[in-house]
Amino acid sequence: TNDDEDVKDTMIGKHPVFSILDPLLTLTVPRMQVFSGA
């Protein structure tokens, strides 16, 4: 989000070299955030 231009848009970066997806790390995420993410 660029607040100066009132624009929220997609930018291009680089692919992360690795990602770690461990469901144990999600156990403290608030309920609404879990379902909105899903």
PDB file of all heavy atoms in Angstrom:
ATOM      1  N   THR A   1       0.841  -1.195   0.000  1.00  0.00           N
ATOM      2  CA  THR A   1       0.000   0.000   0.000  1.00  0.00           C
ATOM      3  C   THR A   1       0.875   1.242   0.000  1.00  0.00           C
ATOM      4  O   THR A   1       1.707   1.424   0.894  1.00  0.00           O
ATOM      5  CB  THR A   1      -0.917   0.021   1.229  1.00  0.00           C
ATOM      6  OG1 THR A   1      -1.764  -1.133   1.212  1.00  0.00           O
ATOM      7  CG2 THR A   1      -1.786   1.267   1.240  1.00  0.00           C
ATOM      8  N   ASN A   2       0.675   2.089  -1.012  1.00  0.00           N
ATOM      9  CA  ASN A   2       1.360   3.375  -1.075  1.00  0.00           C
ATOM     10  C   ASN A   2       0.379   4.439  -0.596  1.00  0.00           C
ATOM     11  O   ASN A   2      -0.516   4.855  -1.335  1.00  0.00           O
ATOM     12  CB  ASN A   2       1.824   3.663  -2.505  1.00  0.00           C
ATOM     13  CG  ASN A   2       2.719   4.882  -2.594  1.00  0.00           C
ATOM     14  OD1 ASN A   2       2.525   5.858  -1.876  1.00  0.00           O
ATOM     15  ND2 ASN A   2       3.711   4.829  -3.475  1.00  0.00           N
ATOM     16  N   ASP A   3       0.529   4.875   0.647  1.00  0.00           N
ATOM     17  CA  ASP A   3      -0.410   5.822   1.237  1.00  0.00           C
ATOM     18  C   ASP A   3      -0.365   7.179   0.541  1.00  0.00           C
ATOM     19  O   ASP A   3      -1.376   7.893   0.503  1.00  0.00           O
ATOM     20  CB  ASP A   3      -0.117   5.994   2.732  1.00  0.00           C
ATOM     21  CG  ASP A   3      -0.492   4.757   3.538  1.00  0.00           C
ATOM     22  OD1 ASP A   3      -1.454   4.072   3.157  1.00  0.00           O
ATOM     23  OD2 ASP A   3       0.182   4.475   4.551  1.00  0.00           O
ATOM     24  N   ASP A   4       0.787   7.539   0.015  1.00  0.00           N
ATOM     25  CA  ASP A   4       0.902   8.836  -0.663  1.00  0.00           C
ATOM     26  C   ASP A   4       0.060   8.895  -1.928  1.00  0.00           C
ATOM     27  O   ASP A   4      -0.391   9.971  -2.336  1.00  0.00           O
ATOM     28  CB  ASP A   4       2.364   9.124  -1.019  1.00  0.00           C
ATOM     29  CG  ASP A   4       3.223   9.372   0.207  1.00  0.00           C
ATOM     30  OD1 ASP A   4       2.658   9.735   1.263  1.00  0.00           O
ATOM     31  OD2 ASP A   4       4.457   9.194   0.126  1.00  0.00           O
ATOM     32  N   GLU A   5      -0.146   7.739  -2.560  1.00  0.00           N
ATOM     33  CA  GLU A   5      -0.900   7.701  -3.814  1.00  0.00           C
ATOM     34  C   GLU A   5      -2.265   7.025  -3.671  1.00  0.00           C
ATOM     35  O   GLU A   5      -2.979   6.873  -4.653  1.00  0.00           O
ATOM     36  CB  GLU A   5      -0.072   6.990  -4.888  1.00  0.00           C
ATOM     37  CG  GLU A   5       1.240   7.692  -5.198  1.00  0.00           C
ATOM     38  CD  GLU A   5       1.955   7.109  -6.414  1.00  0.00           C
ATOM     39  OE1 GLU A   5       1.319   6.340  -7.169  1.00  0.00           O
ATOM     40  OE2 GLU A   5       3.133   7.429  -6.620  1.00  0.00           O
ATOM     41  N   ASP A   6      -2.612   6.590  -2.444  1.00  0.00           N
ATOM     42  CA  ASP A   6      -3.881   5.882  -2.207  1.00  0.00           C
ATOM     43  C   ASP A   6      -4.018   4.687  -3.141  1.00  0.00           C
ATOM     44  O   ASP A   6      -5.068   4.461  -3.756  1.00  0.00           O
ATOM     45  CB  ASP A   6      -5.082   6.823  -2.388  1.00  0.00           C
ATOM     46  CG  ASP A   6      -5.214   7.822  -1.245  1.00  0.00           C
ATOM     47  OD1 ASP A   6      -4.832   7.473  -0.117  1.00  0.00           O
ATOM     48  OD2 ASP A   6      -5.680   8.947  -1.494  1.00  0.00           O
ATOM     49  N   VAL A   7      -2.949   3.918  -3.251  1.00  0.00           N
ATOM     50  CA  VAL A   7      -2.930   2.750  -4.130  1.00  0.00           C
ATOM     51  C   VAL A   7      -2.410   1.553  -3.343  1.00  0.00           C
ATOM     52  O   VAL A   7      -1.379   1.623  -2.671  1.00  0.00           O
ATOM     53  CB  VAL A   7      -2.038   2.988  -5.363  1.00  0.00           C
ATOM     54  CG1 VAL A   7      -1.875   1.687  -6.151  1.00  0.00           C
ATOM     55  CG2 VAL A   7      -2.633   4.062  -6.266  1.00  0.00           C
ATOM     56  N   LYS A   8      -3.139   0.450  -3.447  1.00  0.00           N
ATOM     57  CA  LYS A   8      -2.688  -0.832  -2.927  1.00  0.00           C
ATOM     58  C   LYS A   8      -2.602  -1.762  -4.127  1.00  0.00           C
ATOM     59  O   LYS A   8      -3.607  -2.062  -4.759  1.00  0.00           O
ATOM     60  CB  LYS A   8      -3.674  -1.383  -1.888  1.00  0.00           C
ATOM     61  CG  LYS A   8      -3.296  -2.736  -1.301  1.00  0.00           C
ATOM     62  CD  LYS A   8      -4.350  -3.186  -0.294  1.00  0.00           C
ATOM     63  CE  LYS A   8      -4.030  -4.567   0.262  1.00  0.00           C
ATOM     64  NZ  LYS A   8      -5.073  -5.033   1.218  1.00  0.00           N
ATOM     65  N   ASP A   9      -1.376  -2.218  -4.430  1.00  0.00           N
ATOM     66  CA  ASP A   9      -1.223  -2.959  -5.674  1.00  0.00           C
ATOM     67  C   ASP A   9      -0.108  -3.985  -5.536  1.00  0.00           C
ATOM     68  O   ASP A   9       0.674  -3.988  -4.583  1.00  0.00           O
ATOM     69  CB  ASP A   9      -0.917  -1.995  -6.822  1.00  0.00           C
ATOM     70  CG  ASP A   9      -1.233  -2.593  -8.191  1.00  0.00           C
ATOM     71  OD1 ASP A   9      -1.770  -3.714  -8.241  1.00  0.00           O
ATOM     72  OD2 ASP A   9      -0.941  -1.933  -9.195  1.00  0.00           O
ATOM     73  N   THR A  10      -0.046  -4.844  -6.548  1.00  0.00           N
ATOM     74  CA  THR A  10       0.941  -5.917  -6.570  1.00  0.00           C
ATOM     75  C   THR A  10       2.266  -5.401  -7.115  1.00  0.00           C
ATOM     76  O   THR A  10       2.308  -4.743  -8.156  1.00  0.00           O
ATOM     77  CB  THR A  10       0.441  -7.074  -7.443  1.00  0.00           C
ATOM     78  OG1 THR A  10      -0.795  -7.554  -6.904  1.00  0.00           O
ATOM     79  CG2 THR A  10       1.443  -8.217  -7.446  1.00  0.00           C
ATOM     80  N   MET A  11       3.339  -5.720  -6.401  1.00  0.00           N
ATOM     81  CA  MET A  11       4.684  -5.417  -6.855  1.00  0.00           C
ATOM     82  C   MET A  11       5.433  -6.732  -7.088  1.00  0.00           C
ATOM     83  O   MET A  11       4.997  -7.801  -6.643  1.00  0.00           O
ATOM     84  CB  MET A  11       5.420  -4.542  -5.839  1.00  0.00           C
ATOM     85  CG  MET A  11       4.747  -3.204  -5.598  1.00  0.00           C
ATOM     86  SD  MET A  11       5.727  -2.091  -4.572  1.00  0.00           S
ATOM     87  CE  MET A  11       7.050  -1.642  -5.721  1.00  0.00           C
ATOM     88  N   ILE A  12       6.549  -6.632  -7.780  1.00  0.00           N
ATOM     89  CA  ILE A  12       7.322  -7.820  -8.143  1.00  0.00           C
ATOM     90  C   ILE A  12       8.624  -7.857  -7.348  1.00  0.00           C
ATOM     91  O   ILE A  12       9.405  -6.904  -7.373  1.00  0.00           O
ATOM     92  CB  ILE A  12       7.658  -7.832  -9.653  1.00  0.00           C
ATOM     93  CG1 ILE A  12       6.376  -7.710 -10.476  1.00  0.00           C
ATOM     94  CG2 ILE A  12       8.434  -9.093 -10.024  1.00  0.00           C
ATOM     95  CD1 ILE A  12       5.412  -8.848 -10.299  1.00  0.00           C
ATOM     96  N   GLY A  13       8.833  -8.958  -6.637  1.00  0.00           N
ATOM     97  CA  GLY A  13      10.088  -9.179  -5.935  1.00  0.00           C
ATOM     98  C   GLY A  13      10.751 -10.433  -6.466  1.00  0.00           C
ATOM     99  O   GLY A  13      10.644 -10.762  -7.638  1.00  0.00           O
ATOM    100  N   LYS A  14      11.429 -11.123  -5.581  1.00  0.00           N
ATOM    101  CA  LYS A  14      12.042 -12.402  -5.919  1.00  0.00           C
ATOM    102  C   LYS A  14      11.448 -13.499  -5.044  1.00  0.00           C
ATOM    103  O   LYS A  14      11.002 -13.260  -3.919  1.00  0.00           O
ATOM    104  CB  LYS A  14      13.565 -12.347  -5.725  1.00  0.00           C
ATOM    105  CG  LYS A  14      14.285 -11.422  -6.696  1.00  0.00           C
ATOM    106  CD  LYS A  14      14.220 -11.934  -8.117  1.00  0.00           C
ATOM    107  CE  LYS A  14      14.990 -11.053  -9.078  1.00  0.00           C
ATOM    108  NZ  LYS A  14      14.916 -11.516 -10.469  1.00  0.00           N
ATOM    109  N   HIS A  15      11.455 -14.704  -5.553  1.00  0.00           N
ATOM    110  CA  HIS A  15      10.911 -15.850  -4.828  1.00  0.00           C
ATOM    111  C   HIS A  15      11.769 -16.135  -3.590  1.00  0.00           C
ATOM    112  O   HIS A  15      13.003 -16.161  -3.679  1.00  0.00           O
ATOM    113  CB  HIS A  15      10.930 -17.072  -5.749  1.00  0.00           C
ATOM    114  CG  HIS A  15      10.008 -18.170  -5.356  1.00  0.00           C
ATOM    115  ND1 HIS A  15      10.171 -18.893  -4.193  1.00  0.00           N
ATOM    116  CD2 HIS A  15       8.903 -18.686  -5.956  1.00  0.00           C
ATOM    117  CE1 HIS A  15       9.224 -19.815  -4.117  1.00  0.00           C
ATOM    118  NE2 HIS A  15       8.445 -19.700  -5.163  1.00  0.00           N
ATOM    119  N   PRO A  16      11.145 -16.318  -2.412  1.00  0.00           N
ATOM    120  CA  PRO A  16      11.948 -16.720  -1.249  1.00  0.00           C
ATOM    121  C   PRO A  16      12.758 -17.980  -1.538  1.00  0.00           C
ATOM    122  O   PRO A  16      12.268 -18.895  -2.208  1.00  0.00           O
ATOM    123  CB  PRO A  16      10.883 -16.978  -0.175  1.00  0.00           C
ATOM    124  CG  PRO A  16       9.735 -16.105  -0.566  1.00  0.00           C
ATOM    125  CD  PRO A  16       9.722 -16.131  -2.072  1.00  0.00           C
ATOM    126  N   VAL A  17      13.969 -18.011  -1.038  1.00  0.00           N
ATOM    127  CA  VAL A  17      14.835 -19.166  -1.316  1.00  0.00           C
ATOM    128  C   VAL A  17      14.355 -20.404  -0.561  1.00  0.00           C
ATOM    129  O   VAL A  17      14.621 -21.529  -0.974  1.00  0.00           O
ATOM    130  CB  VAL A  17      16.312 -18.861  -0.984  1.00  0.00           C
ATOM    131  CG1 VAL A  17      16.842 -17.767  -1.902  1.00  0.00           C
ATOM    132  CG2 VAL A  17      16.494 -18.463   0.475  1.00  0.00           C
ATOM    133  N   PHE A  18      13.667 -20.179   0.552  1.00  0.00           N
ATOM    134  CA  PHE A  18      13.030 -21.312   1.242  1.00  0.00           C
ATOM    135  C   PHE A  18      11.811 -20.813   2.001  1.00  0.00           C
ATOM    136  O   PHE A  18      11.682 -19.626   2.303  1.00  0.00           O
ATOM    137  CB  PHE A  18      14.010 -22.013   2.201  1.00  0.00           C
ATOM    138  CG  PHE A  18      14.384 -21.226   3.433  1.00  0.00           C
ATOM    139  CD1 PHE A  18      13.563 -21.211   4.558  1.00  0.00           C
ATOM    140  CD2 PHE A  18      15.568 -20.516   3.476  1.00  0.00           C
ATOM    141  CE1 PHE A  18      13.906 -20.489   5.691  1.00  0.00           C
ATOM    142  CE2 PHE A  18      15.930 -19.793   4.606  1.00  0.00           C
ATOM    143  CZ  PHE A  18      15.092 -19.777   5.719  1.00  0.00           C
ATOM    144  N   SER A  19      10.915 -21.724   2.283  1.00  0.00           N
ATOM    145  CA  SER A  19       9.774 -21.432   3.150  1.00  0.00           C
ATOM    146  C   SER A  19       9.587 -22.587   4.115  1.00  0.00           C
ATOM    147  O   SER A  19       9.835 -23.748   3.768  1.00  0.00           O
ATOM    148  CB  SER A  19       8.500 -21.212   2.329  1.00  0.00           C
ATOM    149  OG  SER A  19       8.177 -22.356   1.563  1.00  0.00           O
ATOM    150  N   ILE A  20       9.194 -22.240   5.334  1.00  0.00           N
ATOM    151  CA  ILE A  20       8.931 -23.240   6.363  1.00  0.00           C
ATOM    152  C   ILE A  20       7.465 -23.140   6.747  1.00  0.00           C
ATOM    153  O   ILE A  20       6.988 -22.086   7.180  1.00  0.00           O
ATOM    154  CB  ILE A  20       9.838 -23.031   7.586  1.00  0.00           C
ATOM    155  CG1 ILE A  20      11.311 -23.264   7.197  1.00  0.00           C
ATOM    156  CG2 ILE A  20       9.429 -23.959   8.735  1.00  0.00           C
ATOM    157  CD1 ILE A  20      12.302 -22.958   8.303  1.00  0.00           C
ATOM    158  N   LEU A  21       6.740 -24.239   6.540  1.00  0.00           N
ATOM    159  CA  LEU A  21       5.310 -24.308   6.825  1.00  0.00           C
ATOM    160  C   LEU A  21       5.090 -25.336   7.931  1.00  0.00           C
ATOM    161  O   LEU A  21       4.940 -26.531   7.674  1.00  0.00           O
ATOM    162  CB  LEU A  21       4.521 -24.692   5.567  1.00  0.00           C
ATOM    163  CG  LEU A  21       4.236 -23.593   4.538  1.00  0.00           C
ATOM    164  CD1 LEU A  21       5.529 -23.105   3.899  1.00  0.00           C
ATOM    165  CD2 LEU A  21       3.303 -24.097   3.456  1.00  0.00           C
ATOM    166  N   ASP A  22       5.125 -24.861   9.159  1.00  0.00           N
ATOM    167  CA  ASP A  22       4.970 -25.716  10.332  1.00  0.00           C
ATOM    168  C   ASP A  22       3.643 -25.367  10.996  1.00  0.00           C
ATOM    169  O   ASP A  22       3.503 -24.284  11.568  1.00  0.00           O
ATOM    170  CB  ASP A  22       6.136 -25.476  11.294  1.00  0.00           C
ATOM    171  CG  ASP A  22       6.142 -26.434  12.478  1.00  0.00           C
ATOM    172  OD1 ASP A  22       5.068 -26.977  12.818  1.00  0.00           O
ATOM    173  OD2 ASP A  22       7.224 -26.632  13.071  1.00  0.00           O
ATOM    174  N   PRO A  23       2.652 -26.256  10.940  1.00  0.00           N
ATOM    175  CA  PRO A  23       1.336 -25.924  11.504  1.00  0.00           C
ATOM    176  C   PRO A  23       1.356 -25.637  13.002  1.00  0.00           C
ATOM    177  O   PRO A  23       0.461 -24.972  13.511  1.00  0.00           O
ATOM    178  CB  PRO A  23       0.481 -27.148  11.175  1.00  0.00           C
ATOM    179  CG  PRO A  23       1.441 -28.251  10.906  1.00  0.00           C
ATOM    180  CD  PRO A  23       2.670 -27.604  10.336  1.00  0.00           C
ATOM    181  N   LEU A  24       2.382 -26.112  13.716  1.00  0.00           N
ATOM    182  CA  LEU A  24       2.476 -25.824  15.141  1.00  0.00           C
ATOM    183  C   LEU A  24       2.599 -24.319  15.400  1.00  0.00           C
ATOM    184  O   LEU A  24       2.183 -23.831  16.457  1.00  0.00           O
ATOM    185  CB  LEU A  24       3.667 -26.561  15.758  1.00  0.00           C
ATOM    186  CG  LEU A  24       3.576 -28.095  15.786  1.00  0.00           C
ATOM    187  CD1 LEU A  24       4.891 -28.689  16.262  1.00  0.00           C
ATOM    188  CD2 LEU A  24       2.424 -28.552  16.680  1.00  0.00           C
ATOM    189  N   LEU A  25       3.157 -23.596  14.435  1.00  0.00           N
ATOM    190  CA  LEU A  25       3.330 -22.153  14.610  1.00  0.00           C
ATOM    191  C   LEU A  25       2.018 -21.390  14.489  1.00  0.00           C
ATOM    192  O   LEU A  25       1.967 -20.199  14.803  1.00  0.00           O
ATOM    193  CB  LEU A  25       4.332 -21.620  13.585  1.00  0.00           C
ATOM    194  CG  LEU A  25       5.768 -22.136  13.696  1.00  0.00           C
ATOM    195  CD1 LEU A  25       6.628 -21.530  12.595  1.00  0.00           C
ATOM    196  CD2 LEU A  25       6.358 -21.829  15.065  1.00  0.00           C
ATOM    197  N   THR A  26       0.958 -22.052  14.019  1.00  0.00           N
ATOM    198  CA  THR A  26      -0.317 -21.360  13.827  1.00  0.00           C
ATOM    199  C   THR A  26      -1.247 -21.472  15.035  1.00  0.00           C
ATOM    200  O   THR A  26      -2.332 -20.891  15.023  1.00  0.00           O
ATOM    201  CB  THR A  26      -1.061 -21.921  12.600  1.00  0.00           C
ATOM    202  OG1 THR A  26      -1.551 -23.249  12.886  1.00  0.00           O
ATOM    203  CG2 THR A  26      -0.152 -21.972  11.372  1.00  0.00           C
ATOM    204  N   LEU A  27      -0.847 -22.202  16.051  1.00  0.00           N
ATOM    205  CA  LEU A  27      -1.766 -22.507  17.153  1.00  0.00           C
ATOM    206  C   LEU A  27      -2.167 -21.293  17.970  1.00  0.00           C
ATOM    207  O   LEU A  27      -3.206 -21.309  18.649  1.00  0.00           O
ATOM    208  CB  LEU A  27      -1.158 -23.578  18.063  1.00  0.00           C
ATOM    209  CG  LEU A  27      -1.128 -24.999  17.481  1.00  0.00           C
ATOM    210  CD1 LEU A  27      -0.320 -25.937  18.369  1.00  0.00           C
ATOM    211  CD2 LEU A  27      -2.551 -25.530  17.296  1.00  0.00           C
ATOM    212  N   THR A  28      -1.365 -20.227  17.941  1.00  0.00           N
ATOM    213  CA  THR A  28      -1.704 -19.038  18.719  1.00  0.00           C
ATOM    214  C   THR A  28      -2.353 -17.940  17.868  1.00  0.00           C
ATOM    215  O   THR A  28      -2.636 -16.856  18.366  1.00  0.00           O
ATOM    216  CB  THR A  28      -0.453 -18.465  19.406  1.00  0.00           C
ATOM    217  OG1 THR A  28       0.532 -18.139  18.418  1.00  0.00           O
ATOM    218  CG2 THR A  28       0.136 -19.465  20.395  1.00  0.00           C
ATOM    219  N   VAL A  29      -2.572 -18.228  16.587  1.00  0.00           N
ATOM    220  CA  VAL A  29      -3.198 -17.230  15.713  1.00  0.00           C
ATOM    221  C   VAL A  29      -4.670 -17.081  16.092  1.00  0.00           C
ATOM    222  O   VAL A  29      -5.371 -18.074  16.270  1.00  0.00           O
ATOM    223  CB  VAL A  29      -3.068 -17.651  14.231  1.00  0.00           C
ATOM    224  CG1 VAL A  29      -3.781 -16.662  13.319  1.00  0.00           C
ATOM    225  CG2 VAL A  29      -1.594 -17.765  13.836  1.00  0.00           C
ATOM    226  N   PRO A  30      -5.175 -15.844  16.229  1.00  0.00           N
ATOM    227  CA  PRO A  30      -6.583 -15.649  16.600  1.00  0.00           C
ATOM    228  C   PRO A  30      -7.542 -16.309  15.613  1.00  0.00           C
ATOM    229  O   PRO A  30      -7.250 -16.413  14.418  1.00  0.00           O
ATOM    230  CB  PRO A  30      -6.742 -14.121  16.576  1.00  0.00           C
ATOM    231  CG  PRO A  30      -5.368 -13.590  16.812  1.00  0.00           C
ATOM    232  CD  PRO A  30      -4.444 -14.569  16.147  1.00  0.00           C
ATOM    233  N   ARG A  31      -8.667 -16.723  16.137  1.00  0.00           N
ATOM    234  CA  ARG A  31      -9.642 -17.489  15.362  1.00  0.00           C
ATOM    235  C   ARG A  31     -10.039 -16.774  14.068  1.00  0.00           C
ATOM    236  O   ARG A  31     -10.047 -17.370  12.995  1.00  0.00           O
ATOM    237  CB  ARG A  31     -10.873 -17.750  16.240  1.00  0.00           C
ATOM    238  CG  ARG A  31     -11.925 -18.646  15.602  1.00  0.00           C
ATOM    239  CD  ARG A  31     -13.107 -18.820  16.549  1.00  0.00           C
ATOM    240  NE  ARG A  31     -14.078 -19.757  15.991  1.00  0.00           N
ATOM    241  CZ  ARG A  31     -14.054 -21.075  16.181  1.00  0.00           C
ATOM    242  NH1 ARG A  31     -13.085 -21.611  16.902  1.00  0.00           N
ATOM    243  NH2 ARG A  31     -14.977 -21.862  15.649  1.00  0.00           N
ATOM    244  N   MET A  32     -10.405 -15.504  14.164  1.00  0.00           N
ATOM    245  CA  MET A  32     -10.853 -14.778  12.980  1.00  0.00           C
ATOM    246  C   MET A  32      -9.742 -14.706  11.934  1.00  0.00           C
ATOM    247  O   MET A  32      -9.999 -14.806  10.733  1.00  0.00           O
ATOM    248  CB  MET A  32     -11.323 -13.372  13.359  1.00  0.00           C
ATOM    249  CG  MET A  32     -11.834 -12.550  12.180  1.00  0.00           C
ATOM    250  SD  MET A  32     -13.260 -13.295  11.341  1.00  0.00           S
ATOM    251  CE  MET A  32     -14.570 -12.844  12.462  1.00  0.00           C
ATOM    252  N   GLN A  33      -8.484 -14.538  12.376  1.00  0.00           N
ATOM    253  CA  GLN A  33      -7.380 -14.470  11.427  1.00  0.00           C
ATOM    254  C   GLN A  33      -7.173 -15.798  10.713  1.00  0.00           C
ATOM    255  O   GLN A  33      -6.846 -15.843   9.530  1.00  0.00           O
ATOM    256  CB  GLN A  33      -6.090 -14.043  12.142  1.00  0.00           C
ATOM    257  CG  GLN A  33      -4.933 -13.745  11.195  1.00  0.00           C
ATOM    258  CD  GLN A  33      -3.707 -13.220  11.918  1.00  0.00           C
ATOM    259  OE1 GLN A  33      -3.766 -12.872  13.098  1.00  0.00           O
ATOM    260  NE2 GLN A  33      -2.591 -13.150  11.215  1.00  0.00           N
ATOM    261  N   VAL A  34      -7.358 -16.906  11.429  1.00  0.00           N
ATOM    262  CA  VAL A  34      -7.232 -18.228  10.813  1.00  0.00           C
ATOM    263  C   VAL A  34      -8.252 -18.397   9.693  1.00  0.00           C
ATOM    264  O   VAL A  34      -7.918 -18.806   8.569  1.00  0.00           O
ATOM    265  CB  VAL A  34      -7.401 -19.347  11.866  1.00  0.00           C
ATOM    266  CG1 VAL A  34      -7.539 -20.712  11.191  1.00  0.00           C
ATOM    267  CG2 VAL A  34      -6.214 -19.357  12.826  1.00  0.00           C
ATOM    268  N   PHE A  35      -9.514 -18.053   9.975  1.00  0.00           N
ATOM    269  CA  PHE A  35     -10.560 -18.283   8.986  1.00  0.00           C
ATOM    270  C   PHE A  35     -10.517 -17.257   7.850  1.00  0.00           C
ATOM    271  O   PHE A  35     -10.846 -17.592   6.711  1.00  0.00           O
ATOM    272  CB  PHE A  35     -11.929 -18.313   9.663  1.00  0.00           C
ATOM    273  CG  PHE A  35     -12.119 -19.530  10.524  1.00  0.00           C
ATOM    274  CD1 PHE A  35     -12.362 -19.417  11.884  1.00  0.00           C
ATOM    275  CD2 PHE A  35     -12.023 -20.809   9.977  1.00  0.00           C
ATOM    276  CE1 PHE A  35     -12.524 -20.549  12.679  1.00  0.00           C
ATOM    277  CE2 PHE A  35     -12.183 -21.940  10.761  1.00  0.00           C
ATOM    278  CZ  PHE A  35     -12.431 -21.811  12.111  1.00  0.00           C
ATOM    279  N   SER A  36     -10.102 -16.038   8.141  1.00  0.00           N
ATOM    280  CA  SER A  36      -9.963 -15.072   7.050  1.00  0.00           C
ATOM    281  C   SER A  36      -8.793 -15.451   6.155  1.00  0.00           C
ATOM    282  O   SER A  36      -8.857 -15.282   4.928  1.00  0.00           O
ATOM    283  CB  SER A  36      -9.796 -13.650   7.588  1.00  0.00           C
ATOM    284  OG  SER A  36      -8.624 -13.515   8.356  1.00  0.00           O
ATOM    285  N   GLY A  37      -7.718 -16.007   6.731  1.00  0.00           N
ATOM    286  CA  GLY A  37      -6.604 -16.494   5.918  1.00  0.00           C
ATOM    287  C   GLY A  37      -7.011 -17.661   5.038  1.00  0.00           C
ATOM    288  O   GLY A  37      -6.646 -17.727   3.856  1.00  0.00           O
ATOM    289  N   ALA A  38      -7.784 -18.579   5.613  1.00  0.00           N
ATOM    290  CA  ALA A  38      -8.265 -19.715   4.826  1.00  0.00           C
ATOM    291  C   ALA A  38      -9.182 -19.252   3.707  1.00  0.00           C
ATOM    292  O   ALA A  38      -9.190 -19.832   2.612  1.00  0.00           O
ATOM    293  CB  ALA A  38      -8.993 -20.705   5.734  1.00  0.00           C
TER     294      ALA A  38
END
